[in-house]
Amino acid sequence: MTTRRPIYLDCDTGIDDALALAYLLASPLASVVGIGTVSGNVSAAVGARNTLDLLALAGAADVPVALGANDPLAASFHGGAPWVHGSNGVGEVELPASGASLAAESAAAMLVRLARAYTGELRVVAIGPLTNIARALELEPSLVQSVTIMGGAALAPGSITPVAEANIWHDPEAAALVLAADWDVTLVPLDVTMASVLEETHRQALLASSAPVPRALGEMLAYYFRFYEGIYGRPCSAMHDPLAAALAVGAVKAALAPVVHAAVDTSDGPGRGQTVCDMRGLYAGYPPVKGARCRVVLSLEDDFGPHLVETLLGHFEGTTAALAEAGSVA
């Protein structure tokens, strides 16, 4: 029997966050027990609304969603990335409004509570800036969980600056605290996410679905593809957040993922937000490093795109068919 791992998802729900959330709901390896939102692609409040609406569309309105930090630890929220995700964060797609309310607790408080409830079992999947995770550490310094982060760039160039990836750059102080904490981290950086591409054929498969969630994702991706066309030279996109989710639950395997020391540049210079991963073991095949706690995923065993689409279609079309059959029987 497949074991579903309890997941706390921390997100800034834009388009690839929506893919990650849908993937976790669809995966037989995951049980999403709580979600916190943070400002990044959109404000934490807009991200929370997007998350509630997506959960309702997916028939998972019972998953609790907590509002997290609006501002990073040492600055103010910059206003999001509408040129990447649209003004509403989901590619200008209008989702049916959910009637569900936000949880009464903060995202940081939710994470601490869930960590205590699922001692040693909870997997934290952080696919936005790390402000809420840092706040949770302030509440509970001994917080020890499995943490997977979509963020950083080890050997690849950055996305916001020549060296800094967006999630880390938005709150370097929080990221520095999270990487320095007493836990093991899996970092899913641009090195692997930019090499994992969702193509137009994948988007068309989602659009052709009989289920509302894959269709909505296919519509959102049209906006995302337009942005990434300027980077790849064709309509497609990187798969940042869903790849981190799939690695967190063990559905896909890393081909190369050395465990190294990692830190974050919090200076005000040109390196601000850089994830400084000690990759000097490259030339010796990455031998073990004493005291290292950060597993940096550099490549995958298999192409991720087909698995992502098959998981989404298999689950949501099956659910839609089952509901239709139940309705006809009733």
C-alpha atoms as a PDB file:
ATOM      1  CA  MET A   1       0.000   0.000   0.000  1.00  0.00           C
ATOM      2  CA  THR A   2       1.362   3.423  -0.955  1.00  0.00           C
ATOM      3  CA  THR A   3       2.134   5.691   1.990  1.00  0.00           C
ATOM      4  CA  ARG A   4       0.989   9.287   1.621  1.00  0.00           C
ATOM      5  CA  ARG A   5       3.493  11.664   3.175  1.00  0.00           C
ATOM      6  CA  PRO A   6       2.066  14.637   5.101  1.00  0.00           C
ATOM      7  CA  ILE A   7       3.037  17.849   3.299  1.00  0.00           C
ATOM      8  CA  TYR A   8       3.081  21.467   4.426  1.00  0.00           C
ATOM      9  CA  LEU A   9       3.293  23.644   1.309  1.00  0.00           C
ATOM     10  CA  ASP A  10       4.587  27.211   1.559  1.00  0.00           C
ATOM     11  CA  CYS A  11       3.908  29.154  -1.639  1.00  0.00           C
ATOM     12  CA  ASP A  12       3.414  32.488  -3.403  1.00  0.00           C
ATOM     13  CA  THR A  13       0.738  31.166  -5.696  1.00  0.00           C
ATOM     14  CA  GLY A  14       1.593  32.100  -9.221  1.00  0.00           C
ATOM     15  CA  ILE A  15       1.393  29.799 -12.225  1.00  0.00           C
ATOM     16  CA  ASP A  16       4.091  27.262 -11.390  1.00  0.00           C
ATOM     17  CA  ASP A  17       2.909  27.219  -7.759  1.00  0.00           C
ATOM     18  CA  ALA A  18      -0.541  26.297  -9.090  1.00  0.00           C
ATOM     19  CA  LEU A  19       1.043  23.408 -10.987  1.00  0.00           C
ATOM     20  CA  ALA A  20       2.863  22.285  -7.833  1.00  0.00           C
ATOM     21  CA  LEU A  21      -0.291  22.442  -5.715  1.00  0.00           C
ATOM     22  CA  ALA A  22      -2.306  20.507  -8.294  1.00  0.00           C
ATOM     23  CA  TYR A  23       0.497  17.948  -8.562  1.00  0.00           C
ATOM     24  CA  LEU A  24       0.585  17.387  -4.790  1.00  0.00           C
ATOM     25  CA  LEU A  25      -3.198  16.975  -4.699  1.00  0.00           C
ATOM     26  CA  ALA A  26      -2.958  14.464  -7.540  1.00  0.00           C
ATOM     27  CA  SER A  27       0.026  12.484  -6.276  1.00  0.00           C
ATOM     28  CA  PRO A  28      -0.654   9.175  -4.512  1.00  0.00           C
ATOM     29  CA  LEU A  29       2.477   9.878  -2.448  1.00  0.00           C
ATOM     30  CA  ALA A  30       1.287  13.137  -0.867  1.00  0.00           C
ATOM     31  CA  SER A  31      -1.292  14.315   1.652  1.00  0.00           C
ATOM     32  CA  VAL A  32      -1.417  18.109   1.825  1.00  0.00           C
ATOM     33  CA  VAL A  33      -2.209  18.898   5.471  1.00  0.00           C
ATOM     34  CA  GLY A  34      -1.657  22.654   5.363  1.00  0.00           C
ATOM     35  CA  ILE A  35      -0.663  25.532   3.114  1.00  0.00           C
ATOM     36  CA  GLY A  36       0.874  28.898   3.955  1.00  0.00           C
ATOM     37  CA  THR A  37       1.225  31.821   1.585  1.00  0.00           C
ATOM     38  CA  VAL A  38       3.985  34.409   1.327  1.00  0.00           C
ATOM     39  CA  SER A  39       4.588  37.446  -0.856  1.00  0.00           C
ATOM     40  CA  GLY A  40       6.664  36.776  -3.959  1.00  0.00           C
ATOM     41  CA  ASN A  41       5.044  36.287  -7.355  1.00  0.00           C
ATOM     42  CA  VAL A  42       2.038  38.092  -5.843  1.00  0.00           C
ATOM     43  CA  SER A  43       1.243  39.386  -2.370  1.00  0.00           C
ATOM     44  CA  ALA A  44       0.581  36.827   0.350  1.00  0.00           C
ATOM     45  CA  ALA A  45      -3.095  37.867   0.341  1.00  0.00           C
ATOM     46  CA  VAL A  46      -3.526  37.420  -3.418  1.00  0.00           C
ATOM     47  CA  GLY A  47      -1.641  34.139  -3.203  1.00  0.00           C
ATOM     48  CA  ALA A  48      -4.003  32.984  -0.471  1.00  0.00           C
ATOM     49  CA  ARG A  49      -7.047  33.817  -2.601  1.00  0.00           C
ATOM     50  CA  ASN A  50      -5.558  31.956  -5.573  1.00  0.00           C
ATOM     51  CA  THR A  51      -4.817  28.974  -3.344  1.00  0.00           C
ATOM     52  CA  LEU A  52      -8.323  28.823  -1.897  1.00  0.00           C
ATOM     53  CA  ASP A  53      -9.849  29.063  -5.382  1.00  0.00           C
ATOM     54  CA  LEU A  54      -7.586  26.332  -6.784  1.00  0.00           C
ATOM     55  CA  LEU A  55      -8.362  24.032  -3.858  1.00  0.00           C
ATOM     56  CA  ALA A  56     -12.089  24.520  -4.400  1.00  0.00           C
ATOM     57  CA  LEU A  57     -11.750  23.823  -8.122  1.00  0.00           C
ATOM     58  CA  ALA A  58      -9.873  20.641  -7.248  1.00  0.00           C
ATOM     59  CA  GLY A  59     -12.494  19.492  -4.754  1.00  0.00           C
ATOM     60  CA  ALA A  60     -10.076  19.965  -1.861  1.00  0.00           C
ATOM     61  CA  ALA A  61     -11.571  22.980  -0.083  1.00  0.00           C
ATOM     62  CA  ASP A  62     -11.027  21.271   3.267  1.00  0.00           C
ATOM     63  CA  VAL A  63      -7.233  21.792   3.086  1.00  0.00           C
ATOM     64  CA  PRO A  64      -6.458  24.655   5.512  1.00  0.00           C
ATOM     65  CA  VAL A  65      -4.741  27.761   4.129  1.00  0.00           C
ATOM     66  CA  ALA A  66      -2.979  30.274   6.381  1.00  0.00           C
ATOM     67  CA  LEU A  67      -1.938  33.798   5.436  1.00  0.00           C
ATOM     68  CA  GLY A  68       1.770  34.348   5.856  1.00  0.00           C
ATOM     69  CA  ALA A  69       4.212  37.235   5.726  1.00  0.00           C
ATOM     70  CA  ASN A  70       3.477  40.155   3.427  1.00  0.00           C
ATOM     71  CA  ASP A  71       6.953  41.663   3.758  1.00  0.00           C
ATOM     72  CA  PRO A  72      10.401  40.055   3.809  1.00  0.00           C
ATOM     73  CA  LEU A  73      12.371  40.144   7.068  1.00  0.00           C
ATOM     74  CA  ALA A  74      14.430  43.240   6.265  1.00  0.00           C
ATOM     75  CA  ALA A  75      12.486  45.097   3.565  1.00  0.00           C
ATOM     76  CA  SER A  76       9.049  45.737   2.071  1.00  0.00           C
ATOM     77  CA  PHE A  77       7.209  43.673  -0.522  1.00  0.00           C
ATOM     78  CA  HIS A  78       8.201  44.862  -3.998  1.00  0.00           C
ATOM     79  CA  GLY A  79       4.889  44.227  -5.763  1.00  0.00           C
ATOM     80  CA  GLY A  80       5.225  40.836  -7.447  1.00  0.00           C
ATOM     81  CA  ALA A  81       5.966  39.743 -11.014  1.00  0.00           C
ATOM     82  CA  PRO A  82       2.901  40.473 -13.187  1.00  0.00           C
ATOM     83  CA  TRP A  83       4.990  40.246 -16.379  1.00  0.00           C
ATOM     84  CA  VAL A  84       5.610  36.568 -15.537  1.00  0.00           C
ATOM     85  CA  HIS A  85       2.385  35.466 -13.813  1.00  0.00           C
ATOM     86  CA  GLY A  86      -0.193  38.085 -14.775  1.00  0.00           C
ATOM     87  CA  SER A  87      -1.725  40.757 -12.574  1.00  0.00           C
ATOM     88  CA  ASN A  88      -3.751  38.156 -10.655  1.00  0.00           C
ATOM     89  CA  GLY A  89      -0.902  35.646 -10.409  1.00  0.00           C
ATOM     90  CA  VAL A  90      -2.612  32.950 -12.456  1.00  0.00           C
ATOM     91  CA  GLY A  91      -2.108  34.222 -15.990  1.00  0.00           C
ATOM     92  CA  GLU A  92      -5.285  36.382 -15.988  1.00  0.00           C
ATOM     93  CA  VAL A  93      -7.400  33.214 -15.745  1.00  0.00           C
ATOM     94  CA  GLU A  94     -10.553  33.843 -13.706  1.00  0.00           C
ATOM     95  CA  LEU A  95     -11.038  30.983 -11.267  1.00  0.00           C
ATOM     96  CA  PRO A  96     -14.426  30.321  -9.645  1.00  0.00           C
ATOM     97  CA  ALA A  97     -14.392  31.969  -6.229  1.00  0.00           C
ATOM     98  CA  SER A  98     -14.129  29.675  -3.234  1.00  0.00           C
ATOM     99  CA  GLY A  99     -16.390  30.201  -0.256  1.00  0.00           C
ATOM    100  CA  ALA A 100     -13.746  28.866   2.141  1.00  0.00           C
ATOM    101  CA  SER A 101     -12.083  31.117   4.707  1.00  0.00           C
ATOM    102  CA  LEU A 102      -8.463  31.410   5.736  1.00  0.00           C
ATOM    103  CA  ALA A 103      -7.237  29.675   8.878  1.00  0.00           C
ATOM    104  CA  ALA A 104      -7.182  31.817  12.016  1.00  0.00           C
ATOM    105  CA  GLU A 105      -3.456  31.154  12.580  1.00  0.00           C
ATOM    106  CA  SER A 106      -0.481  32.546  10.677  1.00  0.00           C
ATOM    107  CA  ALA A 107       1.455  30.421   8.220  1.00  0.00           C
ATOM    108  CA  ALA A 108       4.409  30.238  10.610  1.00  0.00           C
ATOM    109  CA  ALA A 109       2.171  29.132  13.476  1.00  0.00           C
ATOM    110  CA  MET A 110       0.521  26.533  11.227  1.00  0.00           C
ATOM    111  CA  LEU A 111       3.902  25.079  10.301  1.00  0.00           C
ATOM    112  CA  VAL A 112       4.974  24.804  13.931  1.00  0.00           C
ATOM    113  CA  ARG A 113       1.661  23.169  14.883  1.00  0.00           C
ATOM    114  CA  LEU A 114       1.850  20.665  12.042  1.00  0.00           C
ATOM    115  CA  ALA A 115       5.484  19.857  12.818  1.00  0.00           C
ATOM    116  CA  ARG A 116       4.430  18.941  16.341  1.00  0.00           C
ATOM    117  CA  ALA A 117       1.410  16.971  15.138  1.00  0.00           C
ATOM    118  CA  TYR A 118       3.460  15.019  12.581  1.00  0.00           C
ATOM    119  CA  THR A 119       6.727  14.694  14.503  1.00  0.00           C
ATOM    120  CA  GLY A 120       9.444  13.402  12.227  1.00  0.00           C
ATOM    121  CA  GLU A 121       6.985  12.793   9.382  1.00  0.00           C
ATOM    122  CA  LEU A 122       6.040  16.213   7.994  1.00  0.00           C
ATOM    123  CA  ARG A 123       7.693  17.283   4.764  1.00  0.00           C
ATOM    124  CA  VAL A 124       8.017  20.999   4.197  1.00  0.00           C
ATOM    125  CA  VAL A 125       7.891  22.067   0.550  1.00  0.00           C
ATOM    126  CA  ALA A 126       8.835  25.747   0.210  1.00  0.00           C
ATOM    127  CA  ILE A 127       8.341  27.141  -3.295  1.00  0.00           C
ATOM    128  CA  GLY A 128       8.307  30.869  -2.555  1.00  0.00           C
ATOM    129  CA  PRO A 129      10.486  33.254  -0.540  1.00  0.00           C
ATOM    130  CA  LEU A 130      11.440  31.698   2.791  1.00  0.00           C
ATOM    131  CA  THR A 131      10.011  34.337   5.142  1.00  0.00           C
ATOM    132  CA  ASN A 132       7.387  32.061   6.715  1.00  0.00           C
ATOM    133  CA  ILE A 133       9.914  29.278   7.275  1.00  0.00           C
ATOM    134  CA  ALA A 134      12.276  31.698   9.014  1.00  0.00           C
ATOM    135  CA  ARG A 135       9.387  33.005  11.151  1.00  0.00           C
ATOM    136  CA  ALA A 136       8.527  29.431  12.138  1.00  0.00           C
ATOM    137  CA  LEU A 137      12.133  28.927  13.253  1.00  0.00           C
ATOM    138  CA  GLU A 138      11.797  32.027  15.428  1.00  0.00           C
ATOM    139  CA  LEU A 139       8.736  30.471  17.074  1.00  0.00           C
ATOM    140  CA  GLU A 140      10.335  27.037  17.402  1.00  0.00           C
ATOM    141  CA  PRO A 141      14.163  27.082  17.047  1.00  0.00           C
ATOM    142  CA  SER A 142      14.321  23.297  17.423  1.00  0.00           C
ATOM    143  CA  LEU A 143      11.951  22.765  14.506  1.00  0.00           C
ATOM    144  CA  VAL A 144      13.338  19.706  12.699  1.00  0.00           C
ATOM    145  CA  GLN A 145      11.689  18.544   9.496  1.00  0.00           C
ATOM    146  CA  SER A 146      12.477  17.413   5.973  1.00  0.00           C
ATOM    147  CA  VAL A 147      12.704  20.631   3.968  1.00  0.00           C
ATOM    148  CA  THR A 148      12.676  20.916   0.171  1.00  0.00           C
ATOM    149  CA  ILE A 149      13.258  24.379  -1.262  1.00  0.00           C
ATOM    150  CA  MET A 150      12.772  25.563  -4.818  1.00  0.00           C
ATOM    151  CA  GLY A 151      15.394  28.245  -4.963  1.00  0.00           C
ATOM    152  CA  GLY A 152      18.912  29.310  -5.677  1.00  0.00           C
ATOM    153  CA  ALA A 153      21.456  28.672  -8.377  1.00  0.00           C
ATOM    154  CA  ALA A 154      24.548  26.573  -7.709  1.00  0.00           C
ATOM    155  CA  LEU A 155      26.466  26.518 -10.998  1.00  0.00           C
ATOM    156  CA  ALA A 156      23.779  28.096 -13.217  1.00  0.00           C
ATOM    157  CA  PRO A 157      23.238  31.853 -13.639  1.00  0.00           C
ATOM    158  CA  GLY A 158      20.595  33.616 -11.570  1.00  0.00           C
ATOM    159  CA  SER A 159      17.222  34.865 -12.770  1.00  0.00           C
ATOM    160  CA  ILE A 160      16.728  38.192 -10.970  1.00  0.00           C
ATOM    161  CA  THR A 161      20.416  39.141 -11.040  1.00  0.00           C
ATOM    162  CA  PRO A 162      23.378  37.409 -12.688  1.00  0.00           C
ATOM    163  CA  VAL A 163      23.794  35.306  -9.527  1.00  0.00           C
ATOM    164  CA  ALA A 164      20.483  35.407  -7.617  1.00  0.00           C
ATOM    165  CA  GLU A 165      17.314  33.354  -8.131  1.00  0.00           C
ATOM    166  CA  ALA A 166      13.964  35.016  -7.354  1.00  0.00           C
ATOM    167  CA  ASN A 167      12.809  33.115  -4.252  1.00  0.00           C
ATOM    168  CA  ILE A 168      16.126  33.622  -2.474  1.00  0.00           C
ATOM    169  CA  TRP A 169      16.601  37.198  -3.711  1.00  0.00           C
ATOM    170  CA  HIS A 170      13.181  38.308  -2.431  1.00  0.00           C
ATOM    171  CA  ASP A 171      14.245  37.563   1.170  1.00  0.00           C
ATOM    172  CA  PRO A 172      17.952  36.738   1.487  1.00  0.00           C
ATOM    173  CA  GLU A 173      17.924  37.192   5.265  1.00  0.00           C
ATOM    174  CA  ALA A 174      15.207  34.556   5.651  1.00  0.00           C
ATOM    175  CA  ALA A 175      16.957  32.184   3.249  1.00  0.00           C
ATOM    176  CA  ALA A 176      20.228  32.566   5.164  1.00  0.00           C
ATOM    177  CA  LEU A 177      18.488  31.589   8.407  1.00  0.00           C
ATOM    178  CA  VAL A 178      16.776  28.599   6.818  1.00  0.00           C
ATOM    179  CA  LEU A 179      19.962  27.228   5.261  1.00  0.00           C
ATOM    180  CA  ALA A 180      21.852  27.705   8.531  1.00  0.00           C
ATOM    181  CA  ALA A 181      19.217  25.884  10.631  1.00  0.00           C
ATOM    182  CA  ASP A 182      19.789  22.472  12.200  1.00  0.00           C
ATOM    183  CA  TRP A 183      18.062  20.377   9.588  1.00  0.00           C
ATOM    184  CA  ASP A 184      18.704  18.673   6.276  1.00  0.00           C
ATOM    185  CA  VAL A 185      17.670  20.663   3.214  1.00  0.00           C
ATOM    186  CA  THR A 186      17.112  19.628  -0.371  1.00  0.00           C
ATOM    187  CA  LEU A 187      17.693  22.602  -2.639  1.00  0.00           C
ATOM    188  CA  VAL A 188      16.080  22.465  -6.087  1.00  0.00           C
ATOM    189  CA  PRO A 189      17.885  25.276  -7.925  1.00  0.00           C
ATOM    190  CA  LEU A 190      17.762  26.786 -11.393  1.00  0.00           C
ATOM    191  CA  ASP A 191      20.447  24.305 -12.457  1.00  0.00           C
ATOM    192  CA  VAL A 192      17.797  21.571 -12.677  1.00  0.00           C
ATOM    193  CA  THR A 193      14.530  23.529 -13.013  1.00  0.00           C
ATOM    194  CA  MET A 194      15.667  25.485 -16.075  1.00  0.00           C
ATOM    195  CA  ALA A 195      16.739  22.212 -17.679  1.00  0.00           C
ATOM    196  CA  SER A 196      13.294  20.681 -17.041  1.00  0.00           C
ATOM    197  CA  VAL A 197      11.007  22.140 -19.683  1.00  0.00           C
ATOM    198  CA  LEU A 198       7.247  21.914 -20.169  1.00  0.00           C
ATOM    199  CA  GLU A 199       6.516  22.034 -23.902  1.00  0.00           C
ATOM    200  CA  GLU A 200       3.496  23.203 -25.919  1.00  0.00           C
ATOM    201  CA  THR A 201       2.482  19.564 -26.495  1.00  0.00           C
ATOM    202  CA  HIS A 202       2.179  19.170 -22.721  1.00  0.00           C
ATOM    203  CA  ARG A 203       0.086  22.334 -22.453  1.00  0.00           C
ATOM    204  CA  GLN A 204      -2.237  21.173 -25.209  1.00  0.00           C
ATOM    205  CA  ALA A 205      -2.755  17.864 -23.403  1.00  0.00           C
ATOM    206  CA  LEU A 206      -3.861  19.779 -20.309  1.00  0.00           C
ATOM    207  CA  LEU A 207      -6.159  22.030 -22.346  1.00  0.00           C
ATOM    208  CA  ALA A 208      -7.815  19.012 -23.944  1.00  0.00           C
ATOM    209  CA  SER A 209      -8.662  17.470 -20.579  1.00  0.00           C
ATOM    210  CA  SER A 210     -12.228  16.707 -19.509  1.00  0.00           C
ATOM    211  CA  ALA A 211     -11.399  17.964 -15.998  1.00  0.00           C
ATOM    212  CA  PRO A 212     -11.497  21.636 -14.936  1.00  0.00           C
ATOM    213  CA  VAL A 213      -8.186  21.731 -13.048  1.00  0.00           C
ATOM    214  CA  PRO A 214      -5.922  20.591 -15.922  1.00  0.00           C
ATOM    215  CA  ARG A 215      -7.805  22.895 -18.325  1.00  0.00           C
ATOM    216  CA  ALA A 216      -7.307  25.878 -16.031  1.00  0.00           C
ATOM    217  CA  LEU A 217      -3.610  25.059 -15.720  1.00  0.00           C
ATOM    218  CA  GLY A 218      -3.309  24.832 -19.502  1.00  0.00           C
ATOM    219  CA  GLU A 219      -4.902  28.266 -19.824  1.00  0.00           C
ATOM    220  CA  MET A 220      -2.559  29.764 -17.223  1.00  0.00           C
ATOM    221  CA  LEU A 221       0.461  28.295 -18.951  1.00  0.00           C
ATOM    222  CA  ALA A 222      -0.253  30.302 -22.103  1.00  0.00           C
ATOM    223  CA  TYR A 223       0.750  33.447 -20.177  1.00  0.00           C
ATOM    224  CA  TYR A 224       3.777  31.739 -18.596  1.00  0.00           C
ATOM    225  CA  PHE A 225       4.937  30.391 -21.965  1.00  0.00           C
ATOM    226  CA  ARG A 226       4.910  33.887 -23.466  1.00  0.00           C
ATOM    227  CA  PHE A 227       7.342  35.060 -20.815  1.00  0.00           C
ATOM    228  CA  TYR A 228       9.631  32.059 -21.221  1.00  0.00           C
ATOM    229  CA  GLU A 229       9.599  32.297 -25.009  1.00  0.00           C
ATOM    230  CA  GLY A 230      11.952  35.237 -24.594  1.00  0.00           C
ATOM    231  CA  ILE A 231      14.361  32.983 -22.687  1.00  0.00           C
ATOM    232  CA  TYR A 232      14.136  29.674 -24.568  1.00  0.00           C
ATOM    233  CA  GLY A 233      13.224  30.990 -28.021  1.00  0.00           C
ATOM    234  CA  ARG A 234      10.045  28.887 -28.243  1.00  0.00           C
ATOM    235  CA  PRO A 235       6.718  28.640 -26.361  1.00  0.00           C
ATOM    236  CA  CYS A 236       7.545  26.547 -23.285  1.00  0.00           C
ATOM    237  CA  SER A 237       8.451  27.064 -19.643  1.00  0.00           C
ATOM    238  CA  ALA A 238      10.671  25.858 -16.847  1.00  0.00           C
ATOM    239  CA  MET A 239       9.045  23.632 -14.233  1.00  0.00           C
ATOM    240  CA  HIS A 240      10.413  25.184 -11.053  1.00  0.00           C
ATOM    241  CA  ASP A 241       7.818  24.524  -8.355  1.00  0.00           C
ATOM    242  CA  PRO A 242       6.192  21.259  -9.488  1.00  0.00           C
ATOM    243  CA  LEU A 243       9.641  19.698  -9.822  1.00  0.00           C
ATOM    244  CA  ALA A 244      10.449  20.597  -6.215  1.00  0.00           C
ATOM    245  CA  ALA A 245       7.129  19.057  -5.133  1.00  0.00           C
ATOM    246  CA  ALA A 246       7.798  15.837  -7.032  1.00  0.00           C
ATOM    247  CA  LEU A 247      11.308  15.521  -5.596  1.00  0.00           C
ATOM    248  CA  ALA A 248       9.972  16.148  -2.086  1.00  0.00           C
ATOM    249  CA  VAL A 249       7.577  13.196  -2.247  1.00  0.00           C
ATOM    250  CA  GLY A 250      10.068  10.929  -4.005  1.00  0.00           C
ATOM    251  CA  ALA A 251       8.135  10.602  -7.262  1.00  0.00           C
ATOM    252  CA  VAL A 252      11.164  11.577  -9.356  1.00  0.00           C
ATOM    253  CA  LYS A 253      14.800  10.813  -8.672  1.00  0.00           C
ATOM    254  CA  ALA A 254      17.899  12.959  -8.869  1.00  0.00           C
ATOM    255  CA  ALA A 255      20.736  11.722 -11.049  1.00  0.00           C
ATOM    256  CA  LEU A 256      23.239  14.067  -9.399  1.00  0.00           C
ATOM    257  CA  ALA A 257      22.614  15.729  -6.024  1.00  0.00           C
ATOM    258  CA  PRO A 258      25.759  16.387  -3.993  1.00  0.00           C
ATOM    259  CA  VAL A 259      25.466  17.289  -0.301  1.00  0.00           C
ATOM    260  CA  VAL A 260      27.474  20.445   0.291  1.00  0.00           C
ATOM    261  CA  HIS A 261      27.767  23.482   2.525  1.00  0.00           C
ATOM    262  CA  ALA A 262      25.514  26.340   1.388  1.00  0.00           C
ATOM    263  CA  ALA A 263      24.911  29.900   2.543  1.00  0.00           C
ATOM    264  CA  VAL A 264      23.221  33.048   1.230  1.00  0.00           C
ATOM    265  CA  ASP A 265      24.794  36.428   0.499  1.00  0.00           C
ATOM    266  CA  THR A 266      22.898  39.054   2.521  1.00  0.00           C
ATOM    267  CA  SER A 267      25.181  41.939   1.639  1.00  0.00           C
ATOM    268  CA  ASP A 268      24.032  45.011  -0.292  1.00  0.00           C
ATOM    269  CA  GLY A 269      26.477  44.388  -3.112  1.00  0.00           C
ATOM    270  CA  PRO A 270      26.068  42.713  -6.511  1.00  0.00           C
ATOM    271  CA  GLY A 271      26.049  39.275  -4.890  1.00  0.00           C
ATOM    272  CA  ARG A 272      22.978  39.941  -2.736  1.00  0.00           C
ATOM    273  CA  GLY A 273      20.657  36.952  -2.797  1.00  0.00           C
ATOM    274  CA  GLN A 274      23.216  34.563  -4.236  1.00  0.00           C
ATOM    275  CA  THR A 275      23.032  31.000  -2.948  1.00  0.00           C
ATOM    276  CA  VAL A 276      26.695  30.244  -2.306  1.00  0.00           C
ATOM    277  CA  CYS A 277      27.019  26.473  -2.677  1.00  0.00           C
ATOM    278  CA  ASP A 278      30.471  24.975  -2.173  1.00  0.00           C
ATOM    279  CA  MET A 279      30.748  23.015  -5.402  1.00  0.00           C
ATOM    280  CA  ARG A 280      34.530  22.527  -5.286  1.00  0.00           C
ATOM    281  CA  GLY A 281      34.041  18.772  -5.075  1.00  0.00           C
ATOM    282  CA  LEU A 282      32.957  18.819  -8.729  1.00  0.00           C
ATOM    283  CA  TYR A 283      36.362  17.736 -10.004  1.00  0.00           C
ATOM    284  CA  ALA A 284      36.535  14.709  -7.704  1.00  0.00           C
ATOM    285  CA  GLY A 285      32.968  13.537  -8.284  1.00  0.00           C
ATOM    286  CA  TYR A 286      31.593  15.279  -5.175  1.00  0.00           C
ATOM    287  CA  PRO A 287      33.061  13.225  -2.321  1.00  0.00           C
ATOM    288  CA  PRO A 288      31.302  13.396   1.090  1.00  0.00           C
ATOM    289  CA  VAL A 289      31.759  16.699   2.933  1.00  0.00           C
ATOM    290  CA  LYS A 290      31.918  16.641   6.722  1.00  0.00           C
ATOM    291  CA  GLY A 291      29.074  18.552   8.339  1.00  0.00           C
ATOM    292  CA  ALA A 292      27.324  19.394   5.063  1.00  0.00           C
ATOM    293  CA  ARG A 293      23.501  19.474   5.277  1.00  0.00           C
ATOM    294  CA  CYS A 294      22.332  20.849   1.912  1.00  0.00           C
ATOM    295  CA  ARG A 295      21.535  18.408  -0.900  1.00  0.00           C
ATOM    296  CA  VAL A 296      21.702  20.329  -4.189  1.00  0.00           C
ATOM    297  CA  VAL A 297      19.805  18.708  -7.063  1.00  0.00           C
ATOM    298  CA  LEU A 298      21.699  19.262 -10.318  1.00  0.00           C
ATOM    299  CA  SER A 299      20.091  16.765 -12.702  1.00  0.00           C
ATOM    300  CA  LEU A 300      17.311  14.167 -12.946  1.00  0.00           C
ATOM    301  CA  GLU A 301      17.223  10.524 -13.945  1.00  0.00           C
ATOM    302  CA  ASP A 302      14.261  11.063 -16.311  1.00  0.00           C
ATOM    303  CA  ASP A 303      12.348  13.791 -18.122  1.00  0.00           C
ATOM    304  CA  PHE A 304       9.842  15.308 -15.701  1.00  0.00           C
ATOM    305  CA  GLY A 305       7.277  16.742 -18.146  1.00  0.00           C
ATOM    306  CA  PRO A 306       5.511  13.492 -19.076  1.00  0.00           C
ATOM    307  CA  HIS A 307       5.244  12.441 -15.423  1.00  0.00           C
ATOM    308  CA  LEU A 308       3.761  15.804 -14.428  1.00  0.00           C
ATOM    309  CA  VAL A 309       1.093  15.741 -17.143  1.00  0.00           C
ATOM    310  CA  GLU A 310       0.231  12.063 -16.662  1.00  0.00           C
ATOM    311  CA  THR A 311      -0.164  12.545 -12.899  1.00  0.00           C
ATOM    312  CA  LEU A 312      -2.434  15.570 -13.319  1.00  0.00           C
ATOM    313  CA  LEU A 313      -4.606  14.014 -16.033  1.00  0.00           C
ATOM    314  CA  GLY A 314      -4.779  10.609 -14.384  1.00  0.00           C
ATOM    315  CA  HIS A 315      -6.015  11.980 -11.081  1.00  0.00           C
ATOM    316  CA  PHE A 316      -8.302  14.824 -12.094  1.00  0.00           C
ATOM    317  CA  GLU A 317      -9.913  13.074 -15.067  1.00  0.00           C
ATOM    318  CA  GLY A 318     -10.491  10.024 -12.899  1.00  0.00           C
ATOM    319  CA  THR A 319     -12.093  12.179 -10.220  1.00  0.00           C
ATOM    320  CA  THR A 320     -14.289  13.944 -12.776  1.00  0.00           C
ATOM    321  CA  ALA A 321     -15.427  10.631 -14.252  1.00  0.00           C
ATOM    322  CA  ALA A 322     -16.199   9.212 -10.819  1.00  0.00           C
ATOM    323  CA  LEU A 323     -18.285  12.261  -9.908  1.00  0.00           C
ATOM    324  CA  ALA A 324     -20.144  12.074 -13.199  1.00  0.00           C
ATOM    325  CA  GLU A 325     -20.899   8.393 -12.675  1.00  0.00           C
ATOM    326  CA  ALA A 326     -22.059   9.016  -9.118  1.00  0.00           C
ATOM    327  CA  GLY A 327     -24.330  11.772 -10.387  1.00  0.00           C
ATOM    328  CA  SER A 328     -25.834   9.531 -13.041  1.00  0.00           C
ATOM    329  CA  VAL A 329     -26.428   6.793 -10.485  1.00  0.00           C
ATOM    330  CA  ALA A 330     -28.060   9.241  -8.109  1.00  0.00           C
END
